[in-house]
Amino acid sequence: MTERKRQLGEALAGFFWFGIAGVIGFLVDVGVLYLLKGTLGLYGARLLSFLCAAFSTWLFNRAVTFRGRTSGHSKGREFGIYLALMTIGGSVNYGVFALLVSRLELAAHHPAIGVAAGSLAGMAVNLVTSRFMLFRHREG
């Protein structure tokens, strides 16, 4: 196998597993949002649901998506950096969510629509920052 084919295969596998992590994060995100929206309101519940989703995706990504790679940091520091990086994609995510639930009655009544659209918008940013800024070292 040529080096280029190996790299392409690795990139496609990483994209696939990052997508699976995103689905897990989405389910955690929506579950926490619906659980807490009655007490914290949509926006407060969404902030907490994002934090829970980020934690679940970090656990999955470090164990599966980026296995064979390392950040070179302790787990606590790695999660802190991961959360900071996810905040970039999360800002895109939350912005799309807030725009949709504030402008579309359908999204206001079914906030999962806003969560889904926001999740897709932030995913590309999160993949790039995770792969090239945090999990950039091969385990040796």
N, C-alpha and C. Protein backbone atom coordinates (compact mmCIF):
# COMPACT_ATOMS: atom_id res chain seq x y z
N MET A 1 0.85 -1.18 0.00
CA MET A 1 0.00 0.00 0.00
C MET A 1 0.90 1.24 0.00
N THR A 2 0.57 2.15 -0.85
CA THR A 2 1.36 3.37 -0.90
C THR A 2 1.07 4.24 0.31
N GLU A 3 1.99 5.12 0.59
CA GLU A 3 1.83 6.03 1.73
C GLU A 3 0.59 6.90 1.57
N ARG A 4 0.33 7.36 0.36
CA ARG A 4 -0.84 8.20 0.09
C ARG A 4 -2.14 7.45 0.37
N LYS A 5 -2.22 6.19 -0.06
CA LYS A 5 -3.42 5.38 0.19
C LYS A 5 -3.61 5.12 1.68
N ARG A 6 -2.51 4.88 2.38
CA ARG A 6 -2.58 4.67 3.82
C ARG A 6 -3.11 5.91 4.52
N GLN A 7 -2.61 7.08 4.11
CA GLN A 7 -3.05 8.34 4.72
C GLN A 7 -4.52 8.60 4.41
N LEU A 8 -4.94 8.31 3.19
CA LEU A 8 -6.35 8.50 2.82
C LEU A 8 -7.24 7.58 3.65
N GLY A 9 -6.82 6.31 3.77
CA GLY A 9 -7.59 5.36 4.58
C GLY A 9 -7.68 5.80 6.02
N GLU A 10 -6.59 6.29 6.55
CA GLU A 10 -6.57 6.78 7.94
C GLU A 10 -7.48 7.99 8.09
N ALA A 11 -7.46 8.89 7.12
CA ALA A 11 -8.31 10.08 7.19
C ALA A 11 -9.79 9.71 7.11
N LEU A 12 -10.14 8.77 6.23
CA LEU A 12 -11.54 8.34 6.10
C LEU A 12 -12.02 7.63 7.36
N ALA A 13 -11.17 6.78 7.93
CA ALA A 13 -11.53 6.11 9.18
C ALA A 13 -11.72 7.13 10.30
N GLY A 14 -10.82 8.10 10.37
CA GLY A 14 -10.94 9.15 11.38
C GLY A 14 -12.22 9.94 11.23
N PHE A 15 -12.57 10.27 9.99
CA PHE A 15 -13.81 11.01 9.73
C PHE A 15 -15.02 10.18 10.16
N PHE A 16 -15.01 8.89 9.82
CA PHE A 16 -16.11 8.00 10.19
C PHE A 16 -16.29 7.96 11.71
N TRP A 17 -15.19 7.68 12.44
CA TRP A 17 -15.29 7.57 13.90
C TRP A 17 -15.60 8.91 14.56
N PHE A 18 -15.11 10.00 13.97
CA PHE A 18 -15.45 11.31 14.51
C PHE A 18 -16.95 11.56 14.33
N GLY A 19 -17.49 11.10 13.22
CA GLY A 19 -18.93 11.19 12.98
C GLY A 19 -19.73 10.38 14.00
N ILE A 20 -19.24 9.18 14.32
CA ILE A 20 -19.90 8.35 15.34
C ILE A 20 -19.85 9.07 16.69
N ALA A 21 -18.70 9.64 17.01
CA ALA A 21 -18.60 10.42 18.25
C ALA A 21 -19.60 11.56 18.24
N GLY A 22 -19.77 12.19 17.07
CA GLY A 22 -20.73 13.28 16.94
C GLY A 22 -22.16 12.82 17.19
N VAL A 23 -22.49 11.63 16.71
CA VAL A 23 -23.84 11.07 16.95
C VAL A 23 -24.03 10.84 18.45
N ILE A 24 -23.02 10.27 19.09
CA ILE A 24 -23.10 10.06 20.54
C ILE A 24 -23.27 11.41 21.25
N GLY A 25 -22.45 12.37 20.85
CA GLY A 25 -22.55 13.70 21.45
C GLY A 25 -23.91 14.34 21.22
N PHE A 26 -24.45 14.15 20.01
CA PHE A 26 -25.78 14.68 19.69
C PHE A 26 -26.83 14.08 20.62
N LEU A 27 -26.78 12.77 20.81
CA LEU A 27 -27.76 12.11 21.67
C LEU A 27 -27.65 12.59 23.12
N VAL A 28 -26.43 12.74 23.60
CA VAL A 28 -26.22 13.27 24.95
C VAL A 28 -26.73 14.71 25.01
N ASP A 29 -26.38 15.50 24.00
CA ASP A 29 -26.77 16.91 23.93
C ASP A 29 -28.29 17.06 23.99
N VAL A 30 -28.99 16.35 23.12
CA VAL A 30 -30.46 16.45 23.08
C VAL A 30 -31.08 15.91 24.36
N GLY A 31 -30.55 14.79 24.85
CA GLY A 31 -31.10 14.20 26.07
C GLY A 31 -31.00 15.16 27.26
N VAL A 32 -29.84 15.75 27.46
CA VAL A 32 -29.65 16.69 28.57
C VAL A 32 -30.50 17.95 28.33
N LEU A 33 -30.54 18.43 27.09
CA LEU A 33 -31.35 19.61 26.77
C LEU A 33 -32.82 19.38 27.15
N TYR A 34 -33.39 18.27 26.71
CA TYR A 34 -34.79 18.00 27.01
C TYR A 34 -35.02 17.75 28.49
N LEU A 35 -34.05 17.16 29.15
CA LEU A 35 -34.16 16.89 30.58
C LEU A 35 -34.19 18.18 31.38
N LEU A 36 -33.41 19.20 30.95
CA LEU A 36 -33.24 20.41 31.76
C LEU A 36 -33.96 21.66 31.24
N LYS A 37 -34.55 21.60 30.05
CA LYS A 37 -35.13 22.82 29.48
C LYS A 37 -36.27 23.39 30.31
N GLY A 38 -36.99 22.55 31.03
CA GLY A 38 -38.08 23.02 31.88
C GLY A 38 -37.59 23.82 33.07
N THR A 39 -36.42 23.50 33.58
CA THR A 39 -35.88 24.21 34.75
C THR A 39 -34.93 25.32 34.38
N LEU A 40 -34.10 25.11 33.37
CA LEU A 40 -33.08 26.11 33.03
C LEU A 40 -33.45 26.96 31.81
N GLY A 41 -34.53 26.62 31.13
CA GLY A 41 -34.87 27.29 29.88
C GLY A 41 -34.02 26.72 28.75
N LEU A 42 -34.41 27.03 27.53
CA LEU A 42 -33.71 26.47 26.37
C LEU A 42 -32.24 26.84 26.32
N TYR A 43 -31.93 28.09 26.59
CA TYR A 43 -30.55 28.54 26.41
C TYR A 43 -29.63 28.05 27.53
N GLY A 44 -30.09 28.11 28.76
CA GLY A 44 -29.29 27.61 29.88
C GLY A 44 -29.09 26.10 29.79
N ALA A 45 -30.17 25.39 29.45
CA ALA A 45 -30.07 23.94 29.30
C ALA A 45 -29.13 23.58 28.15
N ARG A 46 -29.13 24.38 27.11
CA ARG A 46 -28.27 24.11 25.96
C ARG A 46 -26.80 24.27 26.31
N LEU A 47 -26.48 25.24 27.14
CA LEU A 47 -25.09 25.40 27.56
C LEU A 47 -24.61 24.17 28.35
N LEU A 48 -25.42 23.70 29.28
CA LEU A 48 -25.05 22.53 30.06
C LEU A 48 -25.03 21.27 29.18
N SER A 49 -25.98 21.17 28.26
CA SER A 49 -26.01 19.98 27.39
C SER A 49 -24.77 19.94 26.50
N PHE A 50 -24.29 21.11 26.08
CA PHE A 50 -23.08 21.16 25.27
C PHE A 50 -21.88 20.64 26.06
N LEU A 51 -21.75 21.04 27.32
CA LEU A 51 -20.64 20.57 28.15
C LEU A 51 -20.68 19.05 28.33
N CYS A 52 -21.85 18.52 28.54
CA CYS A 52 -21.99 17.06 28.68
C CYS A 52 -21.64 16.36 27.37
N ALA A 53 -22.08 16.92 26.26
CA ALA A 53 -21.77 16.33 24.95
C ALA A 53 -20.27 16.39 24.67
N ALA A 54 -19.63 17.49 25.02
CA ALA A 54 -18.18 17.62 24.80
C ALA A 54 -17.43 16.57 25.61
N PHE A 55 -17.84 16.34 26.84
CA PHE A 55 -17.18 15.33 27.66
C PHE A 55 -17.34 13.94 27.06
N SER A 56 -18.55 13.62 26.60
CA SER A 56 -18.78 12.29 26.03
C SER A 56 -18.00 12.11 24.72
N THR A 57 -17.91 13.14 23.90
CA THR A 57 -17.16 13.00 22.65
C THR A 57 -15.66 12.92 22.92
N TRP A 58 -15.18 13.62 23.93
CA TRP A 58 -13.76 13.52 24.28
C TRP A 58 -13.41 12.09 24.69
N LEU A 59 -14.25 11.50 25.53
CA LEU A 59 -14.00 10.12 25.96
C LEU A 59 -13.95 9.17 24.76
N PHE A 60 -14.92 9.30 23.88
CA PHE A 60 -14.97 8.42 22.71
C PHE A 60 -13.81 8.69 21.76
N ASN A 61 -13.57 9.94 21.46
CA ASN A 61 -12.51 10.28 20.50
C ASN A 61 -11.13 9.85 20.97
N ARG A 62 -10.84 10.04 22.24
CA ARG A 62 -9.50 9.66 22.72
C ARG A 62 -9.35 8.14 22.73
N ALA A 63 -10.45 7.39 22.94
CA ALA A 63 -10.38 5.93 23.00
C ALA A 63 -10.48 5.28 21.62
N VAL A 64 -11.21 5.89 20.70
CA VAL A 64 -11.48 5.24 19.41
C VAL A 64 -10.95 6.04 18.23
N THR A 65 -11.45 7.24 18.03
CA THR A 65 -11.11 8.02 16.84
C THR A 65 -9.63 8.28 16.73
N PHE A 66 -9.01 8.70 17.82
CA PHE A 66 -7.60 9.07 17.79
C PHE A 66 -6.73 8.06 18.53
N ARG A 67 -7.19 6.81 18.62
CA ARG A 67 -6.32 5.79 19.22
C ARG A 67 -5.07 5.70 18.35
N GLY A 68 -3.97 5.51 18.97
CA GLY A 68 -2.72 5.52 18.24
C GLY A 68 -2.11 6.91 18.12
N ARG A 69 -2.84 7.90 18.65
CA ARG A 69 -2.35 9.28 18.67
C ARG A 69 -2.41 9.77 20.11
N THR A 70 -1.64 10.75 20.38
CA THR A 70 -1.63 11.30 21.74
C THR A 70 -1.50 12.82 21.68
N SER A 71 -1.95 13.42 22.74
CA SER A 71 -1.80 14.87 22.86
C SER A 71 -0.48 15.22 23.56
N GLY A 72 0.03 14.25 24.33
CA GLY A 72 1.23 14.51 25.12
C GLY A 72 0.93 15.20 26.44
N HIS A 73 -0.35 15.29 26.82
CA HIS A 73 -0.76 15.96 28.06
C HIS A 73 -1.41 14.95 29.00
N SER A 74 -1.53 15.31 30.26
CA SER A 74 -2.30 14.51 31.21
C SER A 74 -3.76 14.51 30.76
N LYS A 75 -4.54 13.56 31.25
CA LYS A 75 -5.96 13.48 30.86
C LYS A 75 -6.71 14.76 31.22
N GLY A 76 -6.46 15.28 32.40
CA GLY A 76 -7.15 16.50 32.82
C GLY A 76 -6.81 17.69 31.94
N ARG A 77 -5.53 17.86 31.68
CA ARG A 77 -5.11 18.96 30.79
C ARG A 77 -5.62 18.74 29.37
N GLU A 78 -5.57 17.49 28.92
CA GLU A 78 -6.05 17.18 27.58
C GLU A 78 -7.53 17.54 27.44
N PHE A 79 -8.35 17.17 28.44
CA PHE A 79 -9.76 17.52 28.37
C PHE A 79 -9.95 19.04 28.39
N GLY A 80 -9.16 19.74 29.19
CA GLY A 80 -9.26 21.21 29.21
C GLY A 80 -8.96 21.82 27.85
N ILE A 81 -7.92 21.33 27.21
CA ILE A 81 -7.57 21.82 25.87
C ILE A 81 -8.66 21.43 24.88
N TYR A 82 -9.12 20.18 24.96
CA TYR A 82 -10.19 19.70 24.08
C TYR A 82 -11.43 20.58 24.22
N LEU A 83 -11.81 20.86 25.45
CA LEU A 83 -12.99 21.70 25.69
C LEU A 83 -12.78 23.10 25.12
N ALA A 84 -11.59 23.66 25.30
CA ALA A 84 -11.31 24.98 24.73
C ALA A 84 -11.41 24.95 23.20
N LEU A 85 -10.86 23.91 22.58
CA LEU A 85 -10.95 23.80 21.13
C LEU A 85 -12.39 23.56 20.67
N MET A 86 -13.13 22.76 21.43
CA MET A 86 -14.52 22.50 21.07
C MET A 86 -15.38 23.74 21.22
N THR A 87 -14.92 24.68 22.04
CA THR A 87 -15.65 25.93 22.20
C THR A 87 -15.68 26.72 20.90
N ILE A 88 -14.65 26.57 20.11
CA ILE A 88 -14.63 27.23 18.79
C ILE A 88 -15.76 26.67 17.94
N GLY A 89 -15.76 25.35 17.77
CA GLY A 89 -16.85 24.72 17.02
C GLY A 89 -18.18 24.87 17.74
N GLY A 90 -18.13 24.86 19.07
CA GLY A 90 -19.34 25.04 19.86
C GLY A 90 -19.96 26.41 19.68
N SER A 91 -19.13 27.40 19.45
CA SER A 91 -19.65 28.75 19.19
C SER A 91 -20.44 28.77 17.89
N VAL A 92 -19.91 28.12 16.89
CA VAL A 92 -20.64 27.98 15.62
C VAL A 92 -21.92 27.19 15.87
N ASN A 93 -21.77 26.09 16.59
CA ASN A 93 -22.91 25.22 16.91
C ASN A 93 -24.01 26.00 17.62
N TYR A 94 -23.65 26.69 18.69
CA TYR A 94 -24.63 27.43 19.49
C TYR A 94 -25.24 28.59 18.70
N GLY A 95 -24.43 29.26 17.89
CA GLY A 95 -24.93 30.36 17.07
C GLY A 95 -26.01 29.91 16.10
N VAL A 96 -25.77 28.79 15.45
CA VAL A 96 -26.77 28.24 14.52
C VAL A 96 -28.02 27.83 15.29
N PHE A 97 -27.83 27.15 16.44
CA PHE A 97 -28.96 26.76 17.28
C PHE A 97 -29.80 27.97 17.68
N ALA A 98 -29.13 28.99 18.24
CA ALA A 98 -29.84 30.18 18.72
C ALA A 98 -30.56 30.90 17.59
N LEU A 99 -29.91 30.99 16.44
CA LEU A 99 -30.53 31.63 15.28
C LEU A 99 -31.81 30.90 14.88
N LEU A 100 -31.73 29.58 14.80
CA LEU A 100 -32.90 28.81 14.37
C LEU A 100 -34.04 28.86 15.38
N VAL A 101 -33.74 28.67 16.68
CA VAL A 101 -34.85 28.65 17.65
C VAL A 101 -35.42 30.04 17.87
N SER A 102 -34.66 31.09 17.56
CA SER A 102 -35.20 32.45 17.72
C SER A 102 -35.95 32.93 16.48
N ARG A 103 -35.68 32.32 15.34
CA ARG A 103 -36.28 32.78 14.07
C ARG A 103 -37.34 31.84 13.50
N LEU A 104 -37.23 30.56 13.83
CA LEU A 104 -38.16 29.58 13.26
C LEU A 104 -39.03 28.96 14.36
N GLU A 105 -40.33 29.12 14.23
CA GLU A 105 -41.24 28.56 15.23
C GLU A 105 -41.09 27.05 15.33
N LEU A 106 -40.89 26.39 14.19
CA LEU A 106 -40.72 24.94 14.20
C LEU A 106 -39.52 24.53 15.06
N ALA A 107 -38.41 25.23 14.92
CA ALA A 107 -37.22 24.91 15.71
C ALA A 107 -37.42 25.28 17.18
N ALA A 108 -38.18 26.32 17.47
CA ALA A 108 -38.46 26.68 18.86
C ALA A 108 -39.30 25.59 19.54
N HIS A 109 -40.23 24.99 18.80
CA HIS A 109 -41.07 23.93 19.37
C HIS A 109 -40.37 22.57 19.35
N HIS A 110 -39.42 22.41 18.48
CA HIS A 110 -38.66 21.15 18.37
C HIS A 110 -37.17 21.50 18.35
N PRO A 111 -36.60 21.84 19.51
CA PRO A 111 -35.22 22.31 19.55
C PRO A 111 -34.19 21.31 19.04
N ALA A 112 -34.55 20.05 18.91
CA ALA A 112 -33.61 19.07 18.34
C ALA A 112 -33.21 19.48 16.92
N ILE A 113 -34.07 20.19 16.21
CA ILE A 113 -33.74 20.68 14.87
C ILE A 113 -32.57 21.66 14.96
N GLY A 114 -32.64 22.57 15.91
CA GLY A 114 -31.55 23.52 16.11
C GLY A 114 -30.27 22.85 16.57
N VAL A 115 -30.41 21.85 17.44
CA VAL A 115 -29.23 21.12 17.91
C VAL A 115 -28.57 20.38 16.73
N ALA A 116 -29.39 19.74 15.89
CA ALA A 116 -28.84 19.00 14.75
C ALA A 116 -28.11 19.93 13.78
N ALA A 117 -28.74 21.03 13.42
CA ALA A 117 -28.12 21.98 12.49
C ALA A 117 -26.84 22.56 13.08
N GLY A 118 -26.87 22.92 14.35
CA GLY A 118 -25.68 23.45 15.01
C GLY A 118 -24.56 22.42 15.10
N SER A 119 -24.93 21.18 15.37
CA SER A 119 -23.94 20.11 15.47
C SER A 119 -23.22 19.89 14.15
N LEU A 120 -23.97 19.89 13.07
CA LEU A 120 -23.35 19.72 11.75
C LEU A 120 -22.43 20.88 11.41
N ALA A 121 -22.86 22.08 11.74
CA ALA A 121 -22.05 23.27 11.43
C ALA A 121 -20.74 23.27 12.19
N GLY A 122 -20.77 22.83 13.45
CA GLY A 122 -19.55 22.83 14.26
C GLY A 122 -18.65 21.63 14.07
N MET A 123 -19.16 20.57 13.43
CA MET A 123 -18.40 19.33 13.33
C MET A 123 -17.09 19.48 12.55
N ALA A 124 -17.13 20.15 11.45
CA ALA A 124 -15.91 20.29 10.63
C ALA A 124 -14.83 21.04 11.41
N VAL A 125 -15.22 22.10 12.09
CA VAL A 125 -14.27 22.87 12.90
C VAL A 125 -13.68 21.98 13.99
N ASN A 126 -14.53 21.21 14.65
CA ASN A 126 -14.07 20.35 15.73
C ASN A 126 -13.13 19.25 15.25
N LEU A 127 -13.41 18.67 14.10
CA LEU A 127 -12.53 17.62 13.57
C LEU A 127 -11.14 18.17 13.28
N VAL A 128 -11.09 19.29 12.62
CA VAL A 128 -9.80 19.89 12.26
C VAL A 128 -9.01 20.26 13.51
N THR A 129 -9.64 20.90 14.47
CA THR A 129 -8.90 21.30 15.67
C THR A 129 -8.47 20.09 16.50
N SER A 130 -9.32 19.08 16.58
CA SER A 130 -8.95 17.88 17.34
C SER A 130 -7.76 17.17 16.72
N ARG A 131 -7.83 16.96 15.44
CA ARG A 131 -6.80 16.18 14.76
C ARG A 131 -5.47 16.91 14.63
N PHE A 132 -5.54 18.17 14.25
CA PHE A 132 -4.31 18.89 13.94
C PHE A 132 -3.75 19.76 15.07
N MET A 133 -4.55 20.00 16.09
CA MET A 133 -4.07 20.83 17.19
C MET A 133 -3.91 20.06 18.50
N LEU A 134 -4.68 18.99 18.70
CA LEU A 134 -4.58 18.27 19.97
C LEU A 134 -3.98 16.88 19.79
N PHE A 135 -4.64 16.01 19.05
CA PHE A 135 -4.17 14.64 18.88
C PHE A 135 -3.25 14.57 17.65
N ARG A 136 -2.19 15.31 17.69
CA ARG A 136 -1.33 15.42 16.51
C ARG A 136 -0.11 14.52 16.54
N HIS A 137 0.16 13.90 17.69
CA HIS A 137 1.35 13.06 17.83
C HIS A 137 0.98 11.59 17.70
N ARG A 138 1.76 10.85 16.98
CA ARG A 138 1.59 9.39 16.92
C ARG A 138 2.18 8.79 18.18
N GLU A 139 1.46 7.81 18.72
CA GLU A 139 2.03 7.10 19.86
C GLU A 139 3.18 6.25 19.36
N GLY A 140 4.20 6.20 20.10
CA GLY A 140 5.36 5.48 19.62
C GLY A 140 5.81 4.52 20.59
